Amino acid sequence: MKKLMILASLCTILYISKADAQQPGGGDPAAMMQRYKDHIKRELIEKSKITDVEADKVIDITFGYRSKMR
């Protein structure tokens, strides 16, 4: 009986910790897009040697593709 209670407790703890790990604002596409741009744009421009406008287009295409994959 003790083993069953311990197992149930562990499962509950794992379930709660996994639910808590979700990113805030995960449902807002505009916020997700802005975080993605902030994270990727500078590095994309430096490594690929493309303009700001081209980087925005690449990010828009990539974000759209990633959204469809979800």
C-alpha atoms as a PDB file:
ATOM      1  CA  MET A   1       0.000   0.000   0.000  1.00  0.00           C
ATOM      2  CA  LYS A   2       2.887   2.346   0.804  1.00  0.00           C
ATOM      3  CA  LYS A   3       4.438   1.719  -2.599  1.00  0.00           C
ATOM      4  CA  LEU A   4       1.177   2.566  -4.350  1.00  0.00           C
ATOM      5  CA  MET A   5       0.858   5.829  -2.420  1.00  0.00           C
ATOM      6  CA  ILE A   6       4.465   6.782  -3.187  1.00  0.00           C
ATOM      7  CA  LEU A   7       3.976   5.998  -6.873  1.00  0.00           C
ATOM      8  CA  ALA A   8       0.780   8.048  -7.005  1.00  0.00           C
ATOM      9  CA  SER A   9       2.545  10.947  -5.257  1.00  0.00           C
ATOM     10  CA  LEU A  10       5.452  10.854  -7.714  1.00  0.00           C
ATOM     11  CA  CYS A  11       3.119  10.805 -10.699  1.00  0.00           C
ATOM     12  CA  THR A  12       1.215  13.778  -9.308  1.00  0.00           C
ATOM     13  CA  ILE A  13       4.405  15.752  -8.704  1.00  0.00           C
ATOM     14  CA  LEU A  14       5.678  15.040 -12.219  1.00  0.00           C
ATOM     15  CA  TYR A  15       2.349  16.060 -13.741  1.00  0.00           C
ATOM     16  CA  ILE A  16       2.254  19.334 -11.823  1.00  0.00           C
ATOM     17  CA  SER A  17       5.864  20.228 -12.602  1.00  0.00           C
ATOM     18  CA  LYS A  18       5.350  19.578 -16.314  1.00  0.00           C
ATOM     19  CA  ALA A  19       2.242  21.778 -16.397  1.00  0.00           C
ATOM     20  CA  ASP A  20       4.119  24.543 -14.610  1.00  0.00           C
ATOM     21  CA  ALA A  21       6.914  24.519 -17.221  1.00  0.00           C
ATOM     22  CA  GLN A  22       4.742  26.017 -19.962  1.00  0.00           C
ATOM     23  CA  GLN A  23       5.903  29.399 -21.269  1.00  0.00           C
ATOM     24  CA  PRO A  24       3.796  32.421 -20.364  1.00  0.00           C
ATOM     25  CA  GLY A  25       1.891  33.966 -23.252  1.00  0.00           C
ATOM     26  CA  GLY A  26       2.133  30.780 -25.258  1.00  0.00           C
ATOM     27  CA  GLY A  27      -1.297  31.323 -26.800  1.00  0.00           C
ATOM     28  CA  ASP A  28      -0.671  34.854 -28.125  1.00  0.00           C
ATOM     29  CA  PRO A  29       0.792  34.642 -31.661  1.00  0.00           C
ATOM     30  CA  ALA A  30       1.842  38.313 -31.701  1.00  0.00           C
ATOM     31  CA  ALA A  31       3.848  37.915 -28.481  1.00  0.00           C
ATOM     32  CA  MET A  32       5.404  34.706 -29.769  1.00  0.00           C
ATOM     33  CA  MET A  33       6.376  36.435 -33.029  1.00  0.00           C
ATOM     34  CA  GLN A  34       7.990  39.347 -31.176  1.00  0.00           C
ATOM     35  CA  ARG A  35      10.010  37.023 -28.914  1.00  0.00           C
ATOM     36  CA  TYR A  36      11.113  35.050 -31.982  1.00  0.00           C
ATOM     37  CA  LYS A  37      12.188  38.240 -33.803  1.00  0.00           C
ATOM     38  CA  ASP A  38      14.093  39.534 -30.779  1.00  0.00           C
ATOM     39  CA  HIS A  39      15.869  36.232 -30.412  1.00  0.00           C
ATOM     40  CA  ILE A  40      16.775  35.547 -34.050  1.00  0.00           C
ATOM     41  CA  LYS A  41      17.018  38.798 -36.025  1.00  0.00           C
ATOM     42  CA  ARG A  42      20.399  40.172 -34.914  1.00  0.00           C
ATOM     43  CA  GLU A  43      22.153  36.851 -35.345  1.00  0.00           C
ATOM     44  CA  LEU A  44      20.494  36.285 -38.723  1.00  0.00           C
ATOM     45  CA  ILE A  45      21.724  39.645 -40.025  1.00  0.00           C
ATOM     46  CA  GLU A  46      25.274  39.130 -38.748  1.00  0.00           C
ATOM     47  CA  LYS A  47      25.744  35.587 -40.017  1.00  0.00           C
ATOM     48  CA  SER A  48      23.872  35.829 -43.329  1.00  0.00           C
ATOM     49  CA  LYS A  49      24.886  39.410 -44.142  1.00  0.00           C
ATOM     50  CA  ILE A  50      21.366  40.350 -45.240  1.00  0.00           C
ATOM     51  CA  THR A  51      19.439  43.579 -44.798  1.00  0.00           C
ATOM     52  CA  ASP A  52      16.923  44.351 -42.074  1.00  0.00           C
ATOM     53  CA  VAL A  53      13.980  44.023 -44.485  1.00  0.00           C
ATOM     54  CA  GLU A  54      15.206  40.681 -45.823  1.00  0.00           C
ATOM     55  CA  ALA A  55      15.669  39.404 -42.266  1.00  0.00           C
ATOM     56  CA  ASP A  56      12.071  40.367 -41.444  1.00  0.00           C
ATOM     57  CA  LYS A  57      10.821  38.453 -44.491  1.00  0.00           C
ATOM     58  CA  VAL A  58      12.850  35.374 -43.572  1.00  0.00           C
ATOM     59  CA  ILE A  59      11.583  35.515 -39.993  1.00  0.00           C
ATOM     60  CA  ASP A  60       7.967  35.884 -41.155  1.00  0.00           C
ATOM     61  CA  ILE A  61       8.279  32.871 -43.459  1.00  0.00           C
ATOM     62  CA  THR A  62      10.028  30.769 -40.830  1.00  0.00           C
ATOM     63  CA  PHE A  63       7.543  31.698 -38.109  1.00  0.00           C
ATOM     64  CA  GLY A  64       4.612  30.871 -40.392  1.00  0.00           C
ATOM     65  CA  TYR A  65       6.105  27.490 -41.205  1.00  0.00           C
ATOM     66  CA  ARG A  66       6.803  26.710 -37.549  1.00  0.00           C
ATOM     67  CA  SER A  67       3.253  27.695 -36.601  1.00  0.00           C
ATOM     68  CA  LYS A  68       1.842  25.271 -39.170  1.00  0.00           C
ATOM     69  CA  MET A  69       4.058  22.492 -37.835  1.00  0.00           C
ATOM     70  CA  ARG A  70       2.535  22.914 -34.360  1.00  0.00           C
END
